[in-house]
Amino acid sequence: MRKLYFLVPGTDGKFACGGLWAELKTVNLAQQICIAEVVTYRQRESDKLFLDDLLKEKNLDDVIFVISWGFDVGKLAAKLQKYHVIYHAHSAGYQIKLPSSIPIITVSRNTLGYWGQKAPNSLIYYLPNQISEEFTNLHQNRDIDVLVQTRKSSEYLIKSLIPALEKKCQVLVIDSYVENLPALFNRAKVYLYDSAEYWQLQGVSEGFGLQPMEALACGCQVFSSVNGGLSDYLDPGFNCYKIAGYALEYDLERILKVLASSPSLNLSETVLAEYRTENIIHRLQVILSDINDFFDHKNNSSDTIANLTKIRLAKLFTQRIFAKIKKKYLQSK
């Protein structure tokens, strides 16, 4: 099994975000299977390897570089073209093209489908993000009616729905890092998440959407958008409620109704099992074994399947048109 180098721009300051935490979790899981280390490439850090230093080594055939930082993926893929590389795909929609020599591991089935269409000749795998066992329902009294985090929240949520709810119930709005998120979710009755607007402005998709699943695992009733990777596990009417439903008054009515009743919608343990540590490690072991076999083969093969370039697509389209014309001509004779 080759050594894994997970590339991130940095691990603190301006680089701190949900995507970074998810990637670092994956590193910890990978370390239970093979040697895996974090490597930075923008910011030098005293306790981390730095990419440019690594590339000075002559023989790197026994390592695999894992790239994931969306806006940097294209440049990194070009820089590392002569090495073994995996793309760990979170969000979809970045305007990048990858050669079929780079296997793709996606964090959601939504992203899996995106790359299945965009890169039909690449090896593509599904490895969902991990939901730690600490996210569980403690079945305790909940003193927060409605919980919302401002990051990624829509203008409608912050400027319209929250002010309206604050007149009716206890609302807690979080705009900073939370040290103990499981404890906070276990205090809340309802959790609101509305990221569709944010991701449309970014021009890419919601890669996974950890918070609604973590909230559900802790017993919160969740009102959420269902864009991108959220559609993997959210099922409005069955394990959550769709937020921003038609009108402010209707949203307000539905949330207050849920607060006045006993909890009814939840994420079953069967669904959660797919995202727990044991299953993630099993899947990752299978995926890494498969990819290592592929890189062994790639070293001794140069005959590749033709990519769907714009020129090839135009050629195939023309062939299809001519085939239809020929068929009609023969039928008319």
C-alpha atoms as a PDB file:
ATOM      1  CA  MET A   1       0.000   0.000   0.000  1.00  0.00           C
ATOM      2  CA  ARG A   2       1.527   3.311  -1.060  1.00  0.00           C
ATOM      3  CA  LYS A   3       1.974   6.178   1.378  1.00  0.00           C
ATOM      4  CA  LEU A   4      -0.667   8.925   1.165  1.00  0.00           C
ATOM      5  CA  TYR A   5       0.162  12.625   1.182  1.00  0.00           C
ATOM      6  CA  PHE A   6      -2.986  14.715   1.729  1.00  0.00           C
ATOM      7  CA  LEU A   7      -2.414  18.170   0.238  1.00  0.00           C
ATOM      8  CA  VAL A   8      -4.011  21.198   1.889  1.00  0.00           C
ATOM      9  CA  PRO A   9      -3.024  24.874   1.510  1.00  0.00           C
ATOM     10  CA  GLY A  10      -2.630  25.208   5.283  1.00  0.00           C
ATOM     11  CA  THR A  11      -4.231  23.966   8.484  1.00  0.00           C
ATOM     12  CA  ASP A  12      -5.071  27.143  10.397  1.00  0.00           C
ATOM     13  CA  GLY A  13      -6.045  30.793  10.049  1.00  0.00           C
ATOM     14  CA  LYS A  14      -7.790  31.627   6.778  1.00  0.00           C
ATOM     15  CA  PHE A  15      -7.780  27.971   5.716  1.00  0.00           C
ATOM     16  CA  ALA A  16      -9.858  26.766   8.666  1.00  0.00           C
ATOM     17  CA  CYS A  17     -13.288  25.598   7.441  1.00  0.00           C
ATOM     18  CA  GLY A  18     -15.585  22.593   7.301  1.00  0.00           C
ATOM     19  CA  GLY A  19     -13.854  21.209   4.221  1.00  0.00           C
ATOM     20  CA  LEU A  20     -10.487  21.250   6.004  1.00  0.00           C
ATOM     21  CA  TRP A  21     -11.890  19.495   9.093  1.00  0.00           C
ATOM     22  CA  ALA A  22     -13.477  16.827   6.892  1.00  0.00           C
ATOM     23  CA  GLU A  23     -10.176  16.284   5.063  1.00  0.00           C
ATOM     24  CA  LEU A  24      -8.227  16.010   8.311  1.00  0.00           C
ATOM     25  CA  LYS A  25     -10.772  13.449   9.548  1.00  0.00           C
ATOM     26  CA  THR A  26     -10.113  11.430   6.385  1.00  0.00           C
ATOM     27  CA  VAL A  27      -6.375  11.576   7.084  1.00  0.00           C
ATOM     28  CA  ASN A  28      -6.969  10.119  10.563  1.00  0.00           C
ATOM     29  CA  LEU A  29      -9.070   7.302   9.097  1.00  0.00           C
ATOM     30  CA  ALA A  30      -6.494   6.581   6.381  1.00  0.00           C
ATOM     31  CA  GLN A  31      -3.773   6.292   9.050  1.00  0.00           C
ATOM     32  CA  GLN A  32      -5.572   3.195  10.334  1.00  0.00           C
ATOM     33  CA  ILE A  33      -4.960   1.551   6.945  1.00  0.00           C
ATOM     34  CA  CYS A  34      -1.603   2.852   5.703  1.00  0.00           C
ATOM     35  CA  ILE A  35       0.968   5.592   6.269  1.00  0.00           C
ATOM     36  CA  ALA A  36      -0.730   8.952   5.684  1.00  0.00           C
ATOM     37  CA  GLU A  37       0.465  12.503   6.321  1.00  0.00           C
ATOM     38  CA  VAL A  38      -0.739  16.061   5.828  1.00  0.00           C
ATOM     39  CA  VAL A  39       1.313  18.160   3.393  1.00  0.00           C
ATOM     40  CA  THR A  40       0.816  21.924   2.978  1.00  0.00           C
ATOM     41  CA  TYR A  41       1.532  23.748  -0.273  1.00  0.00           C
ATOM     42  CA  ARG A  42       0.783  27.446   0.301  1.00  0.00           C
ATOM     43  CA  GLN A  43       1.610  28.022   3.940  1.00  0.00           C
ATOM     44  CA  ARG A  44       4.741  26.550   5.522  1.00  0.00           C
ATOM     45  CA  GLU A  45       4.067  25.079   8.964  1.00  0.00           C
ATOM     46  CA  SER A  46       6.762  23.882  11.369  1.00  0.00           C
ATOM     47  CA  ASP A  47       5.152  20.509  12.078  1.00  0.00           C
ATOM     48  CA  LYS A  48       4.038  19.703   8.494  1.00  0.00           C
ATOM     49  CA  LEU A  49       5.755  18.624   5.294  1.00  0.00           C
ATOM     50  CA  PHE A  50       5.792  21.190   2.464  1.00  0.00           C
ATOM     51  CA  LEU A  51       4.997  20.143  -1.104  1.00  0.00           C
ATOM     52  CA  ASP A  52       7.856  21.900  -2.916  1.00  0.00           C
ATOM     53  CA  ASP A  53      10.345  20.259  -0.559  1.00  0.00           C
ATOM     54  CA  LEU A  54       8.854  16.820  -1.208  1.00  0.00           C
ATOM     55  CA  LEU A  55       9.025  17.214  -4.976  1.00  0.00           C
ATOM     56  CA  LYS A  56      12.810  17.554  -4.742  1.00  0.00           C
ATOM     57  CA  GLU A  57      12.981  13.837  -3.936  1.00  0.00           C
ATOM     58  CA  LYS A  58      13.938  11.701  -6.941  1.00  0.00           C
ATOM     59  CA  ASN A  59      11.706   8.659  -6.462  1.00  0.00           C
ATOM     60  CA  LEU A  60       8.095   9.186  -5.418  1.00  0.00           C
ATOM     61  CA  ASP A  61       6.574   6.092  -7.024  1.00  0.00           C
ATOM     62  CA  ASP A  62       5.707   4.699  -3.602  1.00  0.00           C
ATOM     63  CA  VAL A  63       3.473   7.664  -2.675  1.00  0.00           C
ATOM     64  CA  ILE A  64       0.055   8.984  -3.713  1.00  0.00           C
ATOM     65  CA  PHE A  65      -0.809  12.674  -3.536  1.00  0.00           C
ATOM     66  CA  VAL A  66      -4.415  13.362  -2.502  1.00  0.00           C
ATOM     67  CA  ILE A  67      -5.690  16.720  -3.771  1.00  0.00           C
ATOM     68  CA  SER A  68      -8.999  18.189  -2.630  1.00  0.00           C
ATOM     69  CA  TRP A  69      -8.984  22.011  -2.377  1.00  0.00           C
ATOM     70  CA  GLY A  70     -11.465  22.845  -5.171  1.00  0.00           C
ATOM     71  CA  PHE A  71     -10.068  26.048  -6.609  1.00  0.00           C
ATOM     72  CA  ASP A  72      -6.493  24.665  -6.530  1.00  0.00           C
ATOM     73  CA  VAL A  73      -7.211  21.227  -8.015  1.00  0.00           C
ATOM     74  CA  GLY A  74      -6.527  22.158 -11.647  1.00  0.00           C
ATOM     75  CA  LYS A  75      -3.126  23.716 -10.875  1.00  0.00           C
ATOM     76  CA  LEU A  76      -2.121  20.892  -8.546  1.00  0.00           C
ATOM     77  CA  ALA A  77      -3.126  18.213 -11.070  1.00  0.00           C
ATOM     78  CA  ALA A  78      -0.914  19.882 -13.695  1.00  0.00           C
ATOM     79  CA  LYS A  79       1.981  20.279 -11.264  1.00  0.00           C
ATOM     80  CA  LEU A  80       1.785  16.626 -10.204  1.00  0.00           C
ATOM     81  CA  GLN A  81       1.047  15.073 -13.607  1.00  0.00           C
ATOM     82  CA  LYS A  82       4.037  12.713 -13.506  1.00  0.00           C
ATOM     83  CA  TYR A  83       3.130  11.371 -10.049  1.00  0.00           C
ATOM     84  CA  HIS A  84       0.329   9.210  -8.638  1.00  0.00           C
ATOM     85  CA  VAL A  85      -2.613  11.484  -7.737  1.00  0.00           C
ATOM     86  CA  ILE A  86      -6.118  11.028  -6.306  1.00  0.00           C
ATOM     87  CA  TYR A  87      -8.779  13.740  -6.370  1.00  0.00           C
ATOM     88  CA  HIS A  88     -10.860  13.703  -3.178  1.00  0.00           C
ATOM     89  CA  ALA A  89     -13.934  15.536  -4.488  1.00  0.00           C
ATOM     90  CA  HIS A  90     -16.145  17.410  -2.044  1.00  0.00           C
ATOM     91  CA  SER A  91     -18.138  20.079  -3.916  1.00  0.00           C
ATOM     92  CA  ALA A  92     -18.984  19.743  -7.615  1.00  0.00           C
ATOM     93  CA  GLY A  93     -19.043  22.484 -10.230  1.00  0.00           C
ATOM     94  CA  TYR A  94     -15.431  23.642 -10.334  1.00  0.00           C
ATOM     95  CA  GLN A  95     -14.477  24.304 -13.941  1.00  0.00           C
ATOM     96  CA  ILE A  96     -11.682  21.738 -14.073  1.00  0.00           C
ATOM     97  CA  LYS A  97     -10.840  18.832 -16.349  1.00  0.00           C
ATOM     98  CA  LEU A  98      -8.889  15.891 -15.019  1.00  0.00           C
ATOM     99  CA  PRO A  99      -7.069  13.168 -16.977  1.00  0.00           C
ATOM    100  CA  SER A 100      -8.370   9.610 -16.562  1.00  0.00           C
ATOM    101  CA  SER A 101      -5.067   8.782 -14.828  1.00  0.00           C
ATOM    102  CA  ILE A 102      -6.396  10.500 -11.681  1.00  0.00           C
ATOM    103  CA  PRO A 103      -8.946   8.378  -9.731  1.00  0.00           C
ATOM    104  CA  ILE A 104     -11.729  10.368  -8.083  1.00  0.00           C
ATOM    105  CA  ILE A 105     -13.113   9.677  -4.595  1.00  0.00           C
ATOM    106  CA  THR A 106     -16.374  11.556  -3.983  1.00  0.00           C
ATOM    107  CA  VAL A 107     -17.947  12.378  -0.613  1.00  0.00           C
ATOM    108  CA  SER A 108     -21.559  12.204  -1.811  1.00  0.00           C
ATOM    109  CA  ARG A 109     -23.594  10.344  -4.406  1.00  0.00           C
ATOM    110  CA  ASN A 110     -24.543  13.727  -5.814  1.00  0.00           C
ATOM    111  CA  THR A 111     -20.865  14.445  -6.551  1.00  0.00           C
ATOM    112  CA  LEU A 112     -20.416  10.840  -7.698  1.00  0.00           C
ATOM    113  CA  GLY A 113     -23.046  11.383 -10.394  1.00  0.00           C
ATOM    114  CA  TYR A 114     -21.497  14.696 -11.413  1.00  0.00           C
ATOM    115  CA  TRP A 115     -18.078  13.162 -12.036  1.00  0.00           C
ATOM    116  CA  GLY A 116     -19.597  10.031 -13.543  1.00  0.00           C
ATOM    117  CA  GLN A 117     -20.950  12.286 -16.296  1.00  0.00           C
ATOM    118  CA  LYS A 118     -17.974  14.657 -16.509  1.00  0.00           C
ATOM    119  CA  ALA A 119     -15.180  12.052 -16.383  1.00  0.00           C
ATOM    120  CA  PRO A 120     -16.601   8.808 -17.842  1.00  0.00           C
ATOM    121  CA  ASN A 121     -13.177   7.195 -18.313  1.00  0.00           C
ATOM    122  CA  SER A 122     -11.889   7.827 -14.803  1.00  0.00           C
ATOM    123  CA  LEU A 123     -12.022   5.452 -11.857  1.00  0.00           C
ATOM    124  CA  ILE A 124     -14.634   6.940  -9.495  1.00  0.00           C
ATOM    125  CA  TYR A 125     -15.512   5.878  -5.959  1.00  0.00           C
ATOM    126  CA  TYR A 126     -17.932   6.881  -3.207  1.00  0.00           C
ATOM    127  CA  LEU A 127     -16.605   7.527   0.305  1.00  0.00           C
ATOM    128  CA  PRO A 128     -19.014   9.573   2.451  1.00  0.00           C
ATOM    129  CA  ASN A 129     -17.762  11.863   5.176  1.00  0.00           C
ATOM    130  CA  GLN A 130     -17.535  10.436   8.672  1.00  0.00           C
ATOM    131  CA  ILE A 131     -20.082  11.252  11.370  1.00  0.00           C
ATOM    132  CA  SER A 132     -18.309  10.739  14.677  1.00  0.00           C
ATOM    133  CA  GLU A 133     -19.953   8.548  17.319  1.00  0.00           C
ATOM    134  CA  GLU A 134     -20.070  11.589  19.644  1.00  0.00           C
ATOM    135  CA  PHE A 135     -22.978  12.864  17.538  1.00  0.00           C
ATOM    136  CA  THR A 136     -25.764  10.922  19.229  1.00  0.00           C
ATOM    137  CA  ASN A 137     -29.051  11.690  20.943  1.00  0.00           C
ATOM    138  CA  LEU A 138     -28.532  11.995  24.715  1.00  0.00           C
ATOM    139  CA  HIS A 139     -32.328  12.191  25.298  1.00  0.00           C
ATOM    140  CA  GLN A 140     -31.994  15.177  27.640  1.00  0.00           C
ATOM    141  CA  ASN A 141     -34.124  18.263  28.169  1.00  0.00           C
ATOM    142  CA  ARG A 142     -33.619  20.846  25.413  1.00  0.00           C
ATOM    143  CA  ASP A 143     -33.498  24.516  26.409  1.00  0.00           C
ATOM    144  CA  ILE A 144     -33.000  26.001  22.908  1.00  0.00           C
ATOM    145  CA  ASP A 145     -36.068  26.124  20.680  1.00  0.00           C
ATOM    146  CA  VAL A 146     -34.319  27.022  17.415  1.00  0.00           C
ATOM    147  CA  LEU A 147     -30.610  26.870  16.573  1.00  0.00           C
ATOM    148  CA  VAL A 148     -28.972  28.366  13.485  1.00  0.00           C
ATOM    149  CA  GLN A 149     -25.388  29.006  12.375  1.00  0.00           C
ATOM    150  CA  THR A 150     -24.916  32.138  10.290  1.00  0.00           C
ATOM    151  CA  ARG A 151     -22.216  30.730   7.980  1.00  0.00           C
ATOM    152  CA  LYS A 152     -23.715  29.651   4.634  1.00  0.00           C
ATOM    153  CA  SER A 153     -27.164  30.834   5.749  1.00  0.00           C
ATOM    154  CA  SER A 154     -29.393  32.616   3.236  1.00  0.00           C
ATOM    155  CA  GLU A 155     -30.425  36.251   3.461  1.00  0.00           C
ATOM    156  CA  TYR A 156     -34.019  35.059   3.885  1.00  0.00           C
ATOM    157  CA  LEU A 157     -33.068  32.953   6.892  1.00  0.00           C
ATOM    158  CA  ILE A 158     -31.066  35.673   8.663  1.00  0.00           C
ATOM    159  CA  LYS A 159     -33.113  38.757   7.810  1.00  0.00           C
ATOM    160  CA  SER A 160     -36.665  37.373   7.634  1.00  0.00           C
ATOM    161  CA  LEU A 161     -37.255  33.993   9.258  1.00  0.00           C
ATOM    162  CA  ILE A 162     -35.017  34.378  12.334  1.00  0.00           C
ATOM    163  CA  PRO A 163     -36.408  37.831  13.338  1.00  0.00           C
ATOM    164  CA  ALA A 164     -39.940  36.453  12.992  1.00  0.00           C
ATOM    165  CA  LEU A 165     -39.097  33.403  15.122  1.00  0.00           C
ATOM    166  CA  GLU A 166     -37.415  35.494  17.809  1.00  0.00           C
ATOM    167  CA  LYS A 167     -40.787  37.082  18.541  1.00  0.00           C
ATOM    168  CA  LYS A 168     -42.326  33.652  19.177  1.00  0.00           C
ATOM    169  CA  CYS A 169     -39.666  31.409  20.757  1.00  0.00           C
ATOM    170  CA  GLN A 170     -36.113  30.989  22.112  1.00  0.00           C
ATOM    171  CA  VAL A 171     -33.636  31.321  19.218  1.00  0.00           C
ATOM    172  CA  LEU A 172     -29.854  30.930  19.392  1.00  0.00           C
ATOM    173  CA  VAL A 173     -27.808  32.282  16.459  1.00  0.00           C
ATOM    174  CA  ILE A 174     -24.177  31.132  16.305  1.00  0.00           C
ATOM    175  CA  ASP A 175     -21.631  33.135  14.306  1.00  0.00           C
ATOM    176  CA  SER A 176     -18.370  31.668  15.646  1.00  0.00           C
ATOM    177  CA  TYR A 177     -16.574  28.342  16.056  1.00  0.00           C
ATOM    178  CA  VAL A 178     -18.312  25.909  18.422  1.00  0.00           C
ATOM    179  CA  GLU A 179     -16.007  23.797  20.596  1.00  0.00           C
ATOM    180  CA  ASN A 180     -18.609  21.150  21.503  1.00  0.00           C
ATOM    181  CA  LEU A 181     -21.134  20.903  18.691  1.00  0.00           C
ATOM    182  CA  PRO A 182     -22.717  17.583  19.837  1.00  0.00           C
ATOM    183  CA  ALA A 183     -23.608  19.171  23.184  1.00  0.00           C
ATOM    184  CA  LEU A 184     -25.156  22.178  21.446  1.00  0.00           C
ATOM    185  CA  PHE A 185     -27.220  19.995  19.102  1.00  0.00           C
ATOM    186  CA  ASN A 186     -28.459  18.031  22.116  1.00  0.00           C
ATOM    187  CA  ARG A 187     -29.744  21.286  23.630  1.00  0.00           C
ATOM    188  CA  ALA A 188     -31.692  22.342  20.517  1.00  0.00           C
ATOM    189  CA  LYS A 189     -35.166  21.254  19.510  1.00  0.00           C
ATOM    190  CA  VAL A 190     -35.004  22.565  15.926  1.00  0.00           C
ATOM    191  CA  TYR A 191     -31.991  23.231  13.698  1.00  0.00           C
ATOM    192  CA  LEU A 192     -32.223  25.468  10.629  1.00  0.00           C
ATOM    193  CA  TYR A 193     -29.879  25.140   7.623  1.00  0.00           C
ATOM    194  CA  ASP A 194     -30.333  26.928   4.310  1.00  0.00           C
ATOM    195  CA  SER A 195     -27.228  26.839   2.078  1.00  0.00           C
ATOM    196  CA  ALA A 196     -28.687  26.825  -1.475  1.00  0.00           C
ATOM    197  CA  GLU A 197     -28.227  30.579  -1.936  1.00  0.00           C
ATOM    198  CA  TYR A 198     -24.643  30.494  -0.602  1.00  0.00           C
ATOM    199  CA  TRP A 199     -23.531  27.747  -2.994  1.00  0.00           C
ATOM    200  CA  GLN A 200     -25.231  29.350  -5.993  1.00  0.00           C
ATOM    201  CA  LEU A 201     -23.244  32.506  -5.282  1.00  0.00           C
ATOM    202  CA  GLN A 202     -20.056  30.420  -5.041  1.00  0.00           C
ATOM    203  CA  GLY A 203     -20.829  28.754  -8.370  1.00  0.00           C
ATOM    204  CA  VAL A 204     -20.297  25.239  -6.974  1.00  0.00           C
ATOM    205  CA  SER A 205     -22.394  22.705  -5.059  1.00  0.00           C
ATOM    206  CA  GLU A 206     -22.865  21.740  -1.423  1.00  0.00           C
ATOM    207  CA  GLY A 207     -20.398  18.857  -1.214  1.00  0.00           C
ATOM    208  CA  PHE A 208     -21.918  16.973   1.706  1.00  0.00           C
ATOM    209  CA  GLY A 209     -23.543  19.167   4.347  1.00  0.00           C
ATOM    210  CA  LEU A 210     -22.329  17.755   7.657  1.00  0.00           C
ATOM    211  CA  GLN A 211     -24.315  19.902  10.078  1.00  0.00           C
ATOM    212  CA  PRO A 212     -27.866  18.752   9.240  1.00  0.00           C
ATOM    213  CA  MET A 213     -26.796  15.102   9.576  1.00  0.00           C
ATOM    214  CA  GLU A 214     -24.946  15.796  12.822  1.00  0.00           C
ATOM    215  CA  ALA A 215     -28.023  17.625  14.161  1.00  0.00           C
ATOM    216  CA  LEU A 216     -30.315  14.765  13.152  1.00  0.00           C
ATOM    217  CA  ALA A 217     -27.992  12.251  14.807  1.00  0.00           C
ATOM    218  CA  CYS A 218     -28.347  14.284  18.030  1.00  0.00           C
ATOM    219  CA  GLY A 219     -32.153  14.228  17.875  1.00  0.00           C
ATOM    220  CA  CYS A 220     -32.824  17.716  16.467  1.00  0.00           C
ATOM    221  CA  GLN A 221     -35.749  18.325  14.163  1.00  0.00           C
ATOM    222  CA  VAL A 222     -34.113  19.726  11.030  1.00  0.00           C
ATOM    223  CA  PHE A 223     -35.446  22.300   8.568  1.00  0.00           C
ATOM    224  CA  SER A 224     -32.991  22.368   5.667  1.00  0.00           C
ATOM    225  CA  SER A 225     -32.441  23.055   2.003  1.00  0.00           C
ATOM    226  CA  VAL A 226     -31.844  19.877  -0.020  1.00  0.00           C
ATOM    227  CA  ASN A 227     -29.302  21.131  -2.563  1.00  0.00           C
ATOM    228  CA  GLY A 228     -26.204  19.217  -3.671  1.00  0.00           C
ATOM    229  CA  GLY A 229     -24.890  16.557  -1.301  1.00  0.00           C
ATOM    230  CA  LEU A 230     -27.715  17.206   1.184  1.00  0.00           C
ATOM    231  CA  SER A 231     -30.004  15.294  -1.171  1.00  0.00           C
ATOM    232  CA  ASP A 232     -27.993  12.123  -0.417  1.00  0.00           C
ATOM    233  CA  TYR A 233     -29.604  11.639   2.971  1.00  0.00           C
ATOM    234  CA  LEU A 234     -32.272  14.298   3.583  1.00  0.00           C
ATOM    235  CA  ASP A 235     -35.827  13.149   2.828  1.00  0.00           C
ATOM    236  CA  PRO A 236     -38.375  15.953   3.419  1.00  0.00           C
ATOM    237  CA  GLY A 237     -41.486  14.708   5.169  1.00  0.00           C
ATOM    238  CA  PHE A 238     -39.717  11.566   6.397  1.00  0.00           C
ATOM    239  CA  ASN A 239     -36.528  12.598   8.240  1.00  0.00           C
ATOM    240  CA  CYS A 240     -36.531  16.411   7.876  1.00  0.00           C
ATOM    241  CA  TYR A 241     -38.528  19.427   6.714  1.00  0.00           C
ATOM    242  CA  LYS A 242     -37.749  21.517   3.649  1.00  0.00           C
ATOM    243  CA  ILE A 243     -36.916  25.078   4.669  1.00  0.00           C
ATOM    244  CA  ALA A 244     -37.947  28.194   2.705  1.00  0.00           C
ATOM    245  CA  GLY A 245     -41.254  26.603   1.818  1.00  0.00           C
ATOM    246  CA  TYR A 246     -43.176  29.059  -0.362  1.00  0.00           C
ATOM    247  CA  ALA A 247     -43.753  31.872   2.170  1.00  0.00           C
ATOM    248  CA  LEU A 248     -42.416  33.212   5.475  1.00  0.00           C
ATOM    249  CA  GLU A 249     -45.782  32.732   7.201  1.00  0.00           C
ATOM    250  CA  TYR A 250     -45.877  29.078   6.143  1.00  0.00           C
ATOM    251  CA  ASP A 251     -42.330  28.417   7.388  1.00  0.00           C
ATOM    252  CA  LEU A 252     -43.135  30.107  10.676  1.00  0.00           C
ATOM    253  CA  GLU A 253     -46.326  28.079  11.095  1.00  0.00           C
ATOM    254  CA  ARG A 254     -44.555  24.759  10.413  1.00  0.00           C
ATOM    255  CA  ILE A 255     -41.633  25.432  12.778  1.00  0.00           C
ATOM    256  CA  LEU A 256     -43.913  26.529  15.645  1.00  0.00           C
ATOM    257  CA  LYS A 257     -46.058  23.432  15.074  1.00  0.00           C
ATOM    258  CA  VAL A 258     -42.995  21.186  15.401  1.00  0.00           C
ATOM    259  CA  LEU A 259     -41.919  22.999  18.581  1.00  0.00           C
ATOM    260  CA  ALA A 260     -45.365  22.431  20.096  1.00  0.00           C
ATOM    261  CA  SER A 261     -45.357  18.687  19.375  1.00  0.00           C
ATOM    262  CA  SER A 262     -43.210  15.698  20.272  1.00  0.00           C
ATOM    263  CA  PRO A 263     -40.234  15.001  17.965  1.00  0.00           C
ATOM    264  CA  SER A 264     -41.440  13.015  14.982  1.00  0.00           C
ATOM    265  CA  LEU A 265     -38.796  12.946  12.239  1.00  0.00           C
ATOM    266  CA  ASN A 266     -35.361  11.437  12.663  1.00  0.00           C
ATOM    267  CA  LEU A 267     -32.492   9.752  10.851  1.00  0.00           C
ATOM    268  CA  SER A 268     -32.574   6.017  11.498  1.00  0.00           C
ATOM    269  CA  GLU A 269     -29.538   4.174  12.854  1.00  0.00           C
ATOM    270  CA  THR A 270     -29.582   2.134   9.641  1.00  0.00           C
ATOM    271  CA  VAL A 271     -28.996   5.288   7.602  1.00  0.00           C
ATOM    272  CA  LEU A 272     -26.427   6.650  10.063  1.00  0.00           C
ATOM    273  CA  ALA A 273     -24.445   3.382   9.942  1.00  0.00           C
ATOM    274  CA  GLU A 274     -23.330   4.265   6.407  1.00  0.00           C
ATOM    275  CA  TYR A 275     -21.509   7.326   7.777  1.00  0.00           C
ATOM    276  CA  ARG A 276     -20.040   5.858  10.951  1.00  0.00           C
ATOM    277  CA  THR A 277     -16.335   5.067  11.389  1.00  0.00           C
ATOM    278  CA  GLU A 278     -16.488   1.291  10.919  1.00  0.00           C
ATOM    279  CA  ASN A 279     -18.123   1.508   7.488  1.00  0.00           C
ATOM    280  CA  ILE A 280     -15.927   4.392   6.308  1.00  0.00           C
ATOM    281  CA  ILE A 281     -12.721   2.523   7.163  1.00  0.00           C
ATOM    282  CA  HIS A 282     -13.984  -0.613   5.405  1.00  0.00           C
ATOM    283  CA  ARG A 283     -14.875   1.324   2.260  1.00  0.00           C
ATOM    284  CA  LEU A 284     -11.609   3.270   2.297  1.00  0.00           C
ATOM    285  CA  GLN A 285      -9.593   0.052   2.566  1.00  0.00           C
ATOM    286  CA  VAL A 286     -11.353  -1.420  -0.471  1.00  0.00           C
ATOM    287  CA  ILE A 287     -10.954   1.814  -2.459  1.00  0.00           C
ATOM    288  CA  LEU A 288      -7.250   2.268  -1.652  1.00  0.00           C
ATOM    289  CA  SER A 289      -6.499  -1.352  -2.518  1.00  0.00           C
ATOM    290  CA  ASP A 290      -8.229  -0.914  -5.873  1.00  0.00           C
ATOM    291  CA  ILE A 291      -6.401   2.347  -6.602  1.00  0.00           C
ATOM    292  CA  ASN A 292      -3.015   0.869  -5.714  1.00  0.00           C
ATOM    293  CA  ASP A 293      -3.674  -1.955  -8.192  1.00  0.00           C
ATOM    294  CA  PHE A 294      -4.584   0.672 -10.803  1.00  0.00           C
ATOM    295  CA  PHE A 295      -1.348   2.599 -10.300  1.00  0.00           C
ATOM    296  CA  ASP A 296       0.613  -0.662 -10.647  1.00  0.00           C
ATOM    297  CA  HIS A 297      -1.120  -1.208 -13.992  1.00  0.00           C
ATOM    298  CA  LYS A 298      -0.741   2.406 -15.125  1.00  0.00           C
ATOM    299  CA  ASN A 299       3.026   2.181 -14.824  1.00  0.00           C
ATOM    300  CA  ASN A 300       3.048  -0.494 -17.530  1.00  0.00           C
ATOM    301  CA  SER A 301       0.296   0.746 -19.850  1.00  0.00           C
ATOM    302  CA  SER A 302      -0.077   3.624 -22.293  1.00  0.00           C
ATOM    303  CA  ASP A 303      -3.120   2.586 -24.332  1.00  0.00           C
ATOM    304  CA  THR A 304      -5.943   4.733 -22.906  1.00  0.00           C
ATOM    305  CA  ILE A 305      -9.618   5.171 -23.799  1.00  0.00           C
ATOM    306  CA  ALA A 306     -10.301   8.277 -25.897  1.00  0.00           C
ATOM    307  CA  ASN A 307     -11.604  11.174 -23.784  1.00  0.00           C
ATOM    308  CA  LEU A 308     -14.824  13.039 -24.541  1.00  0.00           C
ATOM    309  CA  THR A 309     -13.176  16.244 -25.735  1.00  0.00           C
ATOM    310  CA  LYS A 310     -15.166  18.982 -27.475  1.00  0.00           C
ATOM    311  CA  ILE A 311     -13.726  17.870 -30.835  1.00  0.00           C
ATOM    312  CA  ARG A 312     -14.662  14.229 -30.227  1.00  0.00           C
ATOM    313  CA  LEU A 313     -18.154  15.158 -29.037  1.00  0.00           C
ATOM    314  CA  ALA A 314     -18.642  17.265 -32.184  1.00  0.00           C
ATOM    315  CA  LYS A 315     -17.478  14.326 -34.309  1.00  0.00           C
ATOM    316  CA  LEU A 316     -19.846  11.909 -32.535  1.00  0.00           C
ATOM    317  CA  PHE A 317     -22.730  14.376 -32.901  1.00  0.00           C
ATOM    318  CA  THR A 318     -22.036  14.739 -36.643  1.00  0.00           C
ATOM    319  CA  GLN A 319     -21.867  10.965 -37.061  1.00  0.00           C
ATOM    320  CA  ARG A 320     -25.212  10.635 -35.290  1.00  0.00           C
ATOM    321  CA  ILE A 321     -26.863  13.228 -37.573  1.00  0.00           C
ATOM    322  CA  PHE A 322     -25.510  11.578 -40.720  1.00  0.00           C
ATOM    323  CA  ALA A 323     -26.674   8.166 -39.461  1.00  0.00           C
ATOM    324  CA  LYS A 324     -30.212   9.521 -38.983  1.00  0.00           C
ATOM    325  CA  ILE A 325     -30.201  11.111 -42.458  1.00  0.00           C
ATOM    326  CA  LYS A 326     -28.945   7.882 -44.013  1.00  0.00           C
ATOM    327  CA  LYS A 327     -31.616   5.855 -42.192  1.00  0.00           C
ATOM    328  CA  LYS A 328     -34.400   8.159 -43.403  1.00  0.00           C
ATOM    329  CA  TYR A 329     -33.042   8.038 -46.952  1.00  0.00           C
ATOM    330  CA  LEU A 330     -32.988   4.233 -46.983  1.00  0.00           C
ATOM    331  CA  GLN A 331     -36.488   4.074 -45.518  1.00  0.00           C
ATOM    332  CA  SER A 332     -37.816   6.382 -48.250  1.00  0.00           C
ATOM    333  CA  LYS A 333     -36.479   4.235 -51.106  1.00  0.00           C
END
